[in-house]
Amino acid sequence: LLVHHEERLTAIAGMLGAAGRLTAFEVCTALFGDKLGIHQLRF
C-alpha cells in the first residue's frame, strides 16, 4: 500500500507535467475512468 500511493503520486505529477494544468476532476477521470456511478465517483 505504501508503494501503491507513492506510485500514484508520481503518476499524477506526471499527468500535471504533461498537461500543464488540470482540475481535480480531470485527474479523477484520468485515474478512475468516467463510467462510475455517483457513489464511486464521490470516492
All heavy atoms as atom14 arrays in JSON, in Angstrom:
{
  "sequence": "LLVHHEERLTAIAGMLGAAGRLTAFEVCTALFGDKLGIHQLRF",
  "atom14_mask": [
    [1, 1, 1, 1, 1, 1, 1, 1, 0, 0, 0, 0, 0, 0],
    [1, 1, 1, 1, 1, 1, 1, 1, 0, 0, 0, 0, 0, 0],
    [1, 1, 1, 1, 1, 1, 1, 0, 0, 0, 0, 0, 0, 0],
    [1, 1, 1, 1, 1, 1, 1, 1, 1, 1, 0, 0, 0, 0],
    [1, 1, 1, 1, 1, 1, 1, 1, 1, 1, 0, 0, 0, 0],
    [1, 1, 1, 1, 1, 1, 1, 1, 1, 0, 0, 0, 0, 0],
    [1, 1, 1, 1, 1, 1, 1, 1, 1, 0, 0, 0, 0, 0],
    [1, 1, 1, 1, 1, 1, 1, 1, 1, 1, 1, 0, 0, 0],
    [1, 1, 1, 1, 1, 1, 1, 1, 0, 0, 0, 0, 0, 0],
    [1, 1, 1, 1, 1, 1, 1, 0, 0, 0, 0, 0, 0, 0],
    [1, 1, 1, 1, 1, 0, 0, 0, 0, 0, 0, 0, 0, 0],
    [1, 1, 1, 1, 1, 1, 1, 1, 0, 0, 0, 0, 0, 0],
    [1, 1, 1, 1, 1, 0, 0, 0, 0, 0, 0, 0, 0, 0],
    [1, 1, 1, 1, 0, 0, 0, 0, 0, 0, 0, 0, 0, 0],
    [1, 1, 1, 1, 1, 1, 1, 1, 0, 0, 0, 0, 0, 0],
    [1, 1, 1, 1, 1, 1, 1, 1, 0, 0, 0, 0, 0, 0],
    [1, 1, 1, 1, 0, 0, 0, 0, 0, 0, 0, 0, 0, 0],
    [1, 1, 1, 1, 1, 0, 0, 0, 0, 0, 0, 0, 0, 0],
    [1, 1, 1, 1, 1, 0, 0, 0, 0, 0, 0, 0, 0, 0],
    [1, 1, 1, 1, 0, 0, 0, 0, 0, 0, 0, 0, 0, 0],
    [1, 1, 1, 1, 1, 1, 1, 1, 1, 1, 1, 0, 0, 0],
    [1, 1, 1, 1, 1, 1, 1, 1, 0, 0, 0, 0, 0, 0],
    [1, 1, 1, 1, 1, 1, 1, 0, 0, 0, 0, 0, 0, 0],
    [1, 1, 1, 1, 1, 0, 0, 0, 0, 0, 0, 0, 0, 0],
    [1, 1, 1, 1, 1, 1, 1, 1, 1, 1, 1, 0, 0, 0],
    [1, 1, 1, 1, 1, 1, 1, 1, 1, 0, 0, 0, 0, 0],
    [1, 1, 1, 1, 1, 1, 1, 0, 0, 0, 0, 0, 0, 0],
    [1, 1, 1, 1, 1, 1, 0, 0, 0, 0, 0, 0, 0, 0],
    [1, 1, 1, 1, 1, 1, 1, 0, 0, 0, 0, 0, 0, 0],
    [1, 1, 1, 1, 1, 0, 0, 0, 0, 0, 0, 0, 0, 0],
    [1, 1, 1, 1, 1, 1, 1, 1, 0, 0, 0, 0, 0, 0],
    [1, 1, 1, 1, 1, 1, 1, 1, 1, 1, 1, 0, 0, 0],
    [1, 1, 1, 1, 0, 0, 0, 0, 0, 0, 0, 0, 0, 0],
    [1, 1, 1, 1, 1, 1, 1, 1, 0, 0, 0, 0, 0, 0],
    [1, 1, 1, 1, 1, 1, 1, 1, 1, 0, 0, 0, 0, 0],
    [1, 1, 1, 1, 1, 1, 1, 1, 0, 0, 0, 0, 0, 0],
    [1, 1, 1, 1, 0, 0, 0, 0, 0, 0, 0, 0, 0, 0],
    [1, 1, 1, 1, 1, 1, 1, 1, 0, 0, 0, 0, 0, 0],
    [1, 1, 1, 1, 1, 1, 1, 1, 1, 1, 0, 0, 0, 0],
    [1, 1, 1, 1, 1, 1, 1, 1, 1, 0, 0, 0, 0, 0],
    [1, 1, 1, 1, 1, 1, 1, 1, 0, 0, 0, 0, 0, 0],
    [1, 1, 1, 1, 1, 1, 1, 1, 1, 1, 1, 0, 0, 0],
    [1, 1, 1, 1, 1, 1, 1, 1, 1, 1, 1, 0, 0, 0]
  ],
  "atom14_positions": [
    [[0.82, -1.21, 0.0], [0.0, 0.0, 0.0], [0.85, 1.26, 0.0], [0.53, 2.25, -0.67], [-0.94, -0.01, 1.21], [-2.1, -1.0, 1.14], [-2.79, -1.12, 2.49], [-3.12, -0.59, 0.07], [0.0, 0.0, 0.0], [0.0, 0.0, 0.0], [0.0, 0.0, 0.0], [0.0, 0.0, 0.0], [0.0, 0.0, 0.0], [0.0, 0.0, 0.0]],
    [[1.95, 1.26, 0.75], [2.85, 2.42, 0.75], [3.41, 2.66, -0.65], [3.45, 3.8, -1.14], [3.98, 2.2, 1.76], [3.58, 2.25, 3.23], [4.73, 1.76, 4.11], [3.16, 3.65, 3.66], [0.0, 0.0, 0.0], [0.0, 0.0, 0.0], [0.0, 0.0, 0.0], [0.0, 0.0, 0.0], [0.0, 0.0, 0.0], [0.0, 0.0, 0.0]],
    [[3.85, 1.59, -1.3], [4.38, 1.71, -2.66], [3.29, 2.19, -3.62], [3.51, 3.06, -4.47], [4.97, 0.36, -3.13], [5.28, 0.39, -4.62], [6.22, 0.03, -2.33], [0.0, 0.0, 0.0], [0.0, 0.0, 0.0], [0.0, 0.0, 0.0], [0.0, 0.0, 0.0], [0.0, 0.0, 0.0], [0.0, 0.0, 0.0], [0.0, 0.0, 0.0]],
    [[2.11, 1.62, -3.47], [0.97, 1.98, -4.33], [0.7, 3.48, -4.32], [0.52, 4.1, -5.37], [-0.25, 1.2, -3.84], [-1.57, 1.69, -4.35], [-1.93, 1.65, -5.68], [-2.63, 2.23, -3.69], [-3.15, 2.14, -5.82], [-3.59, 2.5, -4.64], [0.0, 0.0, 0.0], [0.0, 0.0, 0.0], [0.0, 0.0, 0.0], [0.0, 0.0, 0.0]],
    [[0.67, 4.07, -3.14], [0.35, 5.5, -3.07], [1.5, 6.37, -3.58], [1.26, 7.42, -4.19], [-0.06, 5.87, -1.65], [-1.45, 5.43, -1.33], [-2.58, 6.05, -1.85], [-1.91, 4.4, -0.58], [-3.66, 5.43, -1.42], [-3.28, 4.43, -0.64], [0.0, 0.0, 0.0], [0.0, 0.0, 0.0], [0.0, 0.0, 0.0], [0.0, 0.0, 0.0]],
    [[2.74, 5.96, -3.36], [3.85, 6.73, -3.93], [3.82, 6.65, -5.45], [4.09, 7.65, -6.14], [5.18, 6.2, -3.39], [5.41, 6.48, -1.9], [5.38, 7.96, -1.54], [5.78, 8.8, -2.38], [4.93, 8.28, -0.42], [0.0, 0.0, 0.0], [0.0, 0.0, 0.0], [0.0, 0.0, 0.0], [0.0, 0.0, 0.0], [0.0, 0.0, 0.0]],
    [[3.47, 5.49, -5.98], [3.36, 5.36, -7.44], [2.23, 6.23, -7.98], [2.36, 6.84, -9.05], [3.14, 3.9, -7.82], [4.37, 3.03, -7.63], [4.12, 1.58, -7.98], [2.94, 1.17, -8.08], [5.11, 0.84, -8.14], [0.0, 0.0, 0.0], [0.0, 0.0, 0.0], [0.0, 0.0, 0.0], [0.0, 0.0, 0.0], [0.0, 0.0, 0.0]],
    [[1.13, 6.3, -7.24], [0.04, 7.14, -7.7], [0.43, 8.61, -7.67], [0.11, 9.38, -8.59], [-1.21, 6.91, -6.84], [-2.34, 7.87, -7.2], [-3.65, 7.47, -6.57], [-4.15, 6.26, -7.18], [-5.14, 5.53, -6.64], [-5.65, 5.88, -5.48], [-5.58, 4.46, -7.27], [0.0, 0.0, 0.0], [0.0, 0.0, 0.0], [0.0, 0.0, 0.0]],
    [[1.13, 9.05, -6.63], [1.6, 10.44, -6.58], [2.51, 10.74, -7.75], [2.41, 11.81, -8.38], [2.32, 10.68, -5.26], [1.43, 10.73, -4.0], [2.29, 10.65, -2.74], [0.57, 11.99, -3.98], [0.0, 0.0, 0.0], [0.0, 0.0, 0.0], [0.0, 0.0, 0.0], [0.0, 0.0, 0.0], [0.0, 0.0, 0.0], [0.0, 0.0, 0.0]],
    [[3.4, 9.81, -8.07], [4.29, 10.0, -9.22], [3.51, 10.09, -10.52], [3.79, 10.93, -11.38], [5.32, 8.85, -9.29], [6.09, 8.84, -8.09], [6.24, 9.0, -10.49], [0.0, 0.0, 0.0], [0.0, 0.0, 0.0], [0.0, 0.0, 0.0], [0.0, 0.0, 0.0], [0.0, 0.0, 0.0], [0.0, 0.0, 0.0], [0.0, 0.0, 0.0]],
    [[2.5, 9.23, -10.65], [1.69, 9.23, -11.86], [0.93, 10.55, -12.02], [0.87, 11.11, -13.13], [0.71, 8.07, -11.83], [0.0, 0.0, 0.0], [0.0, 0.0, 0.0], [0.0, 0.0, 0.0], [0.0, 0.0, 0.0], [0.0, 0.0, 0.0], [0.0, 0.0, 0.0], [0.0, 0.0, 0.0], [0.0, 0.0, 0.0], [0.0, 0.0, 0.0]],
    [[0.38, 11.07, -10.92], [-0.36, 12.33, -11.0], [0.58, 13.48, -11.33], [0.25, 14.37, -12.14], [-1.12, 12.58, -9.69], [-2.21, 11.54, -9.5], [-1.72, 14.0, -9.68], [-2.91, 11.61, -8.16], [0.0, 0.0, 0.0], [0.0, 0.0, 0.0], [0.0, 0.0, 0.0], [0.0, 0.0, 0.0], [0.0, 0.0, 0.0], [0.0, 0.0, 0.0]],
    [[1.76, 13.5, -10.71], [2.74, 14.54, -11.04], [3.09, 14.49, -12.52], [3.25, 15.53, -13.17], [3.98, 14.37, -10.18], [0.0, 0.0, 0.0], [0.0, 0.0, 0.0], [0.0, 0.0, 0.0], [0.0, 0.0, 0.0], [0.0, 0.0, 0.0], [0.0, 0.0, 0.0], [0.0, 0.0, 0.0], [0.0, 0.0, 0.0], [0.0, 0.0, 0.0]],
    [[3.21, 13.29, -13.06], [3.48, 13.14, -14.49], [2.35, 13.69, -15.35], [2.59, 14.33, -16.38], [0.0, 0.0, 0.0], [0.0, 0.0, 0.0], [0.0, 0.0, 0.0], [0.0, 0.0, 0.0], [0.0, 0.0, 0.0], [0.0, 0.0, 0.0], [0.0, 0.0, 0.0], [0.0, 0.0, 0.0], [0.0, 0.0, 0.0], [0.0, 0.0, 0.0]],
    [[1.1, 13.44, -14.93], [-0.04, 13.99, -15.65], [0.0, 15.52, -15.68], [-0.24, 16.15, -16.72], [-1.35, 13.55, -14.99], [-1.69, 12.1, -15.07], [-3.24, 11.83, -14.15], [-3.17, 10.07, -13.94], [0.0, 0.0, 0.0], [0.0, 0.0, 0.0], [0.0, 0.0, 0.0], [0.0, 0.0, 0.0], [0.0, 0.0, 0.0], [0.0, 0.0, 0.0]],
    [[0.27, 16.1, -14.51], [0.32, 17.57, -14.43], [1.43, 18.13, -15.31], [1.24, 19.15, -15.99], [0.53, 18.01, -12.98], [-0.56, 17.62, -11.97], [-0.18, 18.13, -10.57], [-1.92, 18.15, -12.37], [0.0, 0.0, 0.0], [0.0, 0.0, 0.0], [0.0, 0.0, 0.0], [0.0, 0.0, 0.0], [0.0, 0.0, 0.0], [0.0, 0.0, 0.0]],
    [[2.58, 17.45, -15.29], [3.69, 17.91, -16.11], [3.37, 17.84, -17.59], [3.72, 18.75, -18.36], [0.0, 0.0, 0.0], [0.0, 0.0, 0.0], [0.0, 0.0, 0.0], [0.0, 0.0, 0.0], [0.0, 0.0, 0.0], [0.0, 0.0, 0.0], [0.0, 0.0, 0.0], [0.0, 0.0, 0.0], [0.0, 0.0, 0.0], [0.0, 0.0, 0.0]],
    [[2.69, 16.79, -18.0], [2.38, 16.62, -19.42], [1.29, 17.58, -19.89], [1.33, 18.09, -21.01], [1.95, 15.17, -19.68], [0.0, 0.0, 0.0], [0.0, 0.0, 0.0], [0.0, 0.0, 0.0], [0.0, 0.0, 0.0], [0.0, 0.0, 0.0], [0.0, 0.0, 0.0], [0.0, 0.0, 0.0], [0.0, 0.0, 0.0], [0.0, 0.0, 0.0]],
    [[0.3, 17.83, -19.03], [-0.84, 18.64, -19.44], [-0.63, 20.13, -19.19], [-1.32, 20.96, -19.79], [-2.09, 18.18, -18.7], [0.0, 0.0, 0.0], [0.0, 0.0, 0.0], [0.0, 0.0, 0.0], [0.0, 0.0, 0.0], [0.0, 0.0, 0.0], [0.0, 0.0, 0.0], [0.0, 0.0, 0.0], [0.0, 0.0, 0.0], [0.0, 0.0, 0.0]],
    [[0.28, 20.48, -18.3], [0.48, 21.88, -17.93], [-0.35, 22.24, -16.72], [0.17, 22.74, -15.73], [0.0, 0.0, 0.0], [0.0, 0.0, 0.0], [0.0, 0.0, 0.0], [0.0, 0.0, 0.0], [0.0, 0.0, 0.0], [0.0, 0.0, 0.0], [0.0, 0.0, 0.0], [0.0, 0.0, 0.0], [0.0, 0.0, 0.0], [0.0, 0.0, 0.0]],
    [[-1.65, 21.99, -16.79], [-2.52, 22.19, -15.63], [-3.75, 21.31, -15.79], [-4.19, 21.02, -16.92], [-2.92, 23.65, -15.47], [-3.85, 24.15, -16.57], [-4.34, 25.55, -16.3], [-5.48, 25.88, -17.18], [-6.16, 27.0, -17.12], [-5.84, 27.93, -16.22], [-7.2, 27.21, -17.93], [0.0, 0.0, 0.0], [0.0, 0.0, 0.0], [0.0, 0.0, 0.0]],
    [[-4.32, 20.89, -14.67], [-5.51, 20.04, -14.67], [-6.37, 20.38, -13.47], [-5.86, 20.76, -12.42], [-5.13, 18.56, -14.61], [-4.38, 17.94, -15.78], [-3.86, 16.55, -15.4], [-5.29, 17.85, -17.01], [0.0, 0.0, 0.0], [0.0, 0.0, 0.0], [0.0, 0.0, 0.0], [0.0, 0.0, 0.0], [0.0, 0.0, 0.0], [0.0, 0.0, 0.0]],
    [[-7.67, 20.21, -13.61], [-8.54, 20.26, -12.45], [-8.48, 18.9, -11.74], [-8.08, 17.89, -12.32], [-10.01, 20.54, -12.84], [-10.51, 19.44, -13.61], [-10.13, 21.84, -13.62], [0.0, 0.0, 0.0], [0.0, 0.0, 0.0], [0.0, 0.0, 0.0], [0.0, 0.0, 0.0], [0.0, 0.0, 0.0], [0.0, 0.0, 0.0], [0.0, 0.0, 0.0]],
    [[-8.95, 18.88, -10.5], [-9.01, 17.61, -9.78], [-9.95, 16.64, -10.48], [-9.7, 15.42, -10.49], [-9.46, 17.84, -8.34], [0.0, 0.0, 0.0], [0.0, 0.0, 0.0], [0.0, 0.0, 0.0], [0.0, 0.0, 0.0], [0.0, 0.0, 0.0], [0.0, 0.0, 0.0], [0.0, 0.0, 0.0], [0.0, 0.0, 0.0], [0.0, 0.0, 0.0]],
    [[-11.02, 17.14, -11.08], [-11.94, 16.24, -11.78], [-11.26, 15.61, -13.0], [-11.48, 14.43, -13.29], [-13.21, 16.98, -12.22], [-14.24, 16.07, -12.82], [-15.0, 15.23, -12.01], [-14.46, 16.04, -14.2], [-15.96, 14.38, -12.56], [-15.4, 15.19, -14.75], [-16.15, 14.36, -13.93], [0.0, 0.0, 0.0], [0.0, 0.0, 0.0], [0.0, 0.0, 0.0]],
    [[-10.44, 16.36, -13.7], [-9.7, 15.8, -14.83], [-8.72, 14.73, -14.37], [-8.56, 13.69, -15.03], [-8.98, 16.91, -15.6], [-9.93, 17.82, -16.37], [-9.24, 19.05, -16.93], [-8.3, 19.58, -16.29], [-9.66, 19.5, -18.01], [0.0, 0.0, 0.0], [0.0, 0.0, 0.0], [0.0, 0.0, 0.0], [0.0, 0.0, 0.0], [0.0, 0.0, 0.0]],
    [[-8.08, 14.97, -13.24], [-7.19, 13.95, -12.67], [-8.0, 12.72, -12.26], [-7.61, 11.57, -12.51], [-6.41, 14.51, -11.47], [-5.64, 13.41, -10.75], [-5.46, 15.61, -11.93], [0.0, 0.0, 0.0], [0.0, 0.0, 0.0], [0.0, 0.0, 0.0], [0.0, 0.0, 0.0], [0.0, 0.0, 0.0], [0.0, 0.0, 0.0], [0.0, 0.0, 0.0]],
    [[-9.16, 12.97, -11.65], [-10.02, 11.88, -11.2], [-10.41, 10.96, -12.36], [-10.29, 9.73, -12.26], [-11.26, 12.47, -10.54], [-12.57, 11.3, -10.16], [0.0, 0.0, 0.0], [0.0, 0.0, 0.0], [0.0, 0.0, 0.0], [0.0, 0.0, 0.0], [0.0, 0.0, 0.0], [0.0, 0.0, 0.0], [0.0, 0.0, 0.0], [0.0, 0.0, 0.0]],
    [[-10.88, 11.52, -13.45], [-11.32, 10.69, -14.57], [-10.15, 10.03, -15.28], [-10.29, 8.93, -15.81], [-12.14, 11.51, -15.57], [-11.4, 12.66, -16.0], [-13.46, 11.97, -14.94], [0.0, 0.0, 0.0], [0.0, 0.0, 0.0], [0.0, 0.0, 0.0], [0.0, 0.0, 0.0], [0.0, 0.0, 0.0], [0.0, 0.0, 0.0], [0.0, 0.0, 0.0]],
    [[-8.99, 10.67, -15.26], [-7.8, 10.03, -15.85], [-7.4, 8.8, -15.03], [-6.97, 7.79, -15.59], [-6.65, 11.02, -15.92], [0.0, 0.0, 0.0], [0.0, 0.0, 0.0], [0.0, 0.0, 0.0], [0.0, 0.0, 0.0], [0.0, 0.0, 0.0], [0.0, 0.0, 0.0], [0.0, 0.0, 0.0], [0.0, 0.0, 0.0], [0.0, 0.0, 0.0]],
    [[-7.55, 8.87, -13.72], [-7.18, 7.76, -12.85], [-8.23, 6.65, -12.83], [-7.9, 5.46, -12.87], [-6.98, 8.25, -11.41], [-5.72, 9.04, -11.08], [-5.84, 9.62, -9.68], [-4.48, 8.16, -11.2], [0.0, 0.0, 0.0], [0.0, 0.0, 0.0], [0.0, 0.0, 0.0], [0.0, 0.0, 0.0], [0.0, 0.0, 0.0], [0.0, 0.0, 0.0]],
    [[-9.49, 7.05, -12.73], [-10.54, 6.1, -12.41], [-11.55, 5.87, -13.52], [-12.44, 5.04, -13.38], [-11.29, 6.55, -11.16], [-10.43, 6.67, -9.93], [-9.97, 7.9, -9.5], [-10.05, 5.54, -9.22], [-9.18, 8.01, -8.37], [-9.25, 5.64, -8.1], [-8.81, 6.88, -7.67], [0.0, 0.0, 0.0], [0.0, 0.0, 0.0], [0.0, 0.0, 0.0]],
    [[-11.44, 6.6, -14.62], [-12.41, 6.46, -15.7], [-13.63, 7.33, -15.48], [-13.8, 7.96, -14.44], [0.0, 0.0, 0.0], [0.0, 0.0, 0.0], [0.0, 0.0, 0.0], [0.0, 0.0, 0.0], [0.0, 0.0, 0.0], [0.0, 0.0, 0.0], [0.0, 0.0, 0.0], [0.0, 0.0, 0.0], [0.0, 0.0, 0.0], [0.0, 0.0, 0.0]],
    [[-14.49, 7.37, -16.49], [-15.69, 8.22, -16.43], [-16.98, 7.41, -16.49], [-18.03, 7.93, -16.88], [-15.66, 9.26, -17.56], [-15.57, 8.62, -18.94], [-15.56, 7.37, -19.02], [-15.51, 9.36, -19.93], [0.0, 0.0, 0.0], [0.0, 0.0, 0.0], [0.0, 0.0, 0.0], [0.0, 0.0, 0.0], [0.0, 0.0, 0.0], [0.0, 0.0, 0.0]],
    [[-16.91, 6.16, -16.1], [-18.09, 5.28, -16.16], [-18.59, 4.92, -14.76], [-19.33, 3.95, -14.6], [-17.74, 3.99, -16.92], [-17.18, 4.21, -18.31], [-18.14, 4.96, -19.22], [-17.55, 5.1, -20.62], [-18.43, 5.95, -21.48], [0.0, 0.0, 0.0], [0.0, 0.0, 0.0], [0.0, 0.0, 0.0], [0.0, 0.0, 0.0], [0.0, 0.0, 0.0]],
    [[-18.22, 5.67, -13.75], [-18.6, 5.36, -12.38], [-19.98, 5.91, -12.06], [-20.41, 6.91, -12.63], [-17.59, 5.95, -11.4], [-16.13, 5.51, -11.56], [-15.24, 6.3, -10.61], [-15.98, 4.02, -11.33], [0.0, 0.0, 0.0], [0.0, 0.0, 0.0], [0.0, 0.0, 0.0], [0.0, 0.0, 0.0], [0.0, 0.0, 0.0], [0.0, 0.0, 0.0]],
    [[-20.66, 5.26, -11.11], [-21.88, 5.83, -10.55], [-21.53, 6.89, -9.53], [-20.36, 7.09, -9.18], [0.0, 0.0, 0.0], [0.0, 0.0, 0.0], [0.0, 0.0, 0.0], [0.0, 0.0, 0.0], [0.0, 0.0, 0.0], [0.0, 0.0, 0.0], [0.0, 0.0, 0.0], [0.0, 0.0, 0.0], [0.0, 0.0, 0.0], [0.0, 0.0, 0.0]],
    [[-22.53, 7.59, -9.0], [-22.27, 8.72, -8.12], [-21.57, 8.28, -6.83], [-20.71, 9.01, -6.32], [-23.58, 9.49, -7.81], [-23.28, 10.8, -7.06], [-24.57, 8.61, -7.04], [-22.43, 11.78, -7.84], [0.0, 0.0, 0.0], [0.0, 0.0, 0.0], [0.0, 0.0, 0.0], [0.0, 0.0, 0.0], [0.0, 0.0, 0.0], [0.0, 0.0, 0.0]],
    [[-21.89, 7.1, -6.31], [-21.25, 6.64, -5.08], [-19.74, 6.47, -5.29], [-18.93, 6.97, -4.51], [-21.88, 5.32, -4.65], [-21.35, 4.76, -3.37], [-21.71, 5.24, -2.13], [-20.45, 3.77, -3.13], [-21.08, 4.57, -1.19], [-20.31, 3.67, -1.76], [0.0, 0.0, 0.0], [0.0, 0.0, 0.0], [0.0, 0.0, 0.0], [0.0, 0.0, 0.0]],
    [[-19.38, 5.76, -6.35], [-17.96, 5.54, -6.62], [-17.26, 6.82, -7.07], [-16.09, 7.05, -6.74], [-17.79, 4.44, -7.68], [-18.17, 3.06, -7.2], [-17.27, 2.6, -6.06], [-16.16, 3.07, -5.92], [-17.78, 1.69, -5.25], [0.0, 0.0, 0.0], [0.0, 0.0, 0.0], [0.0, 0.0, 0.0], [0.0, 0.0, 0.0], [0.0, 0.0, 0.0]],
    [[-17.98, 7.67, -7.81], [-17.36, 8.91, -8.26], [-17.03, 9.81, -7.08], [-16.0, 10.51, -7.07], [-18.28, 9.64, -9.25], [-17.68, 10.91, -9.86], [-16.43, 10.6, -10.68], [-18.71, 11.65, -10.7], [0.0, 0.0, 0.0], [0.0, 0.0, 0.0], [0.0, 0.0, 0.0], [0.0, 0.0, 0.0], [0.0, 0.0, 0.0], [0.0, 0.0, 0.0]],
    [[-17.88, 9.82, -6.07], [-17.58, 10.62, -4.87], [-16.27, 10.16, -4.23], [-15.41, 10.96, -3.89], [-18.73, 10.52, -3.87], [-18.43, 11.18, -2.53], [-19.67, 11.26, -1.66], [-20.2, 9.96, -1.3], [-19.84, 9.29, -0.2], [-18.93, 9.79, 0.63], [-20.39, 8.13, 0.08], [0.0, 0.0, 0.0], [0.0, 0.0, 0.0], [0.0, 0.0, 0.0]],
    [[-16.13, 8.84, -4.06], [-14.88, 8.31, -3.52], [-13.7, 8.67, -4.41], [-12.63, 9.07, -3.93], [-14.96, 6.78, -3.4], [-15.67, 6.28, -2.19], [-16.69, 5.35, -2.3], [-15.34, 6.73, -0.92], [-17.36, 4.87, -1.18], [-15.99, 6.25, 0.21], [-17.0, 5.32, 0.08], [0.0, 0.0, 0.0], [0.0, 0.0, 0.0], [0.0, 0.0, 0.0]]
  ]
}
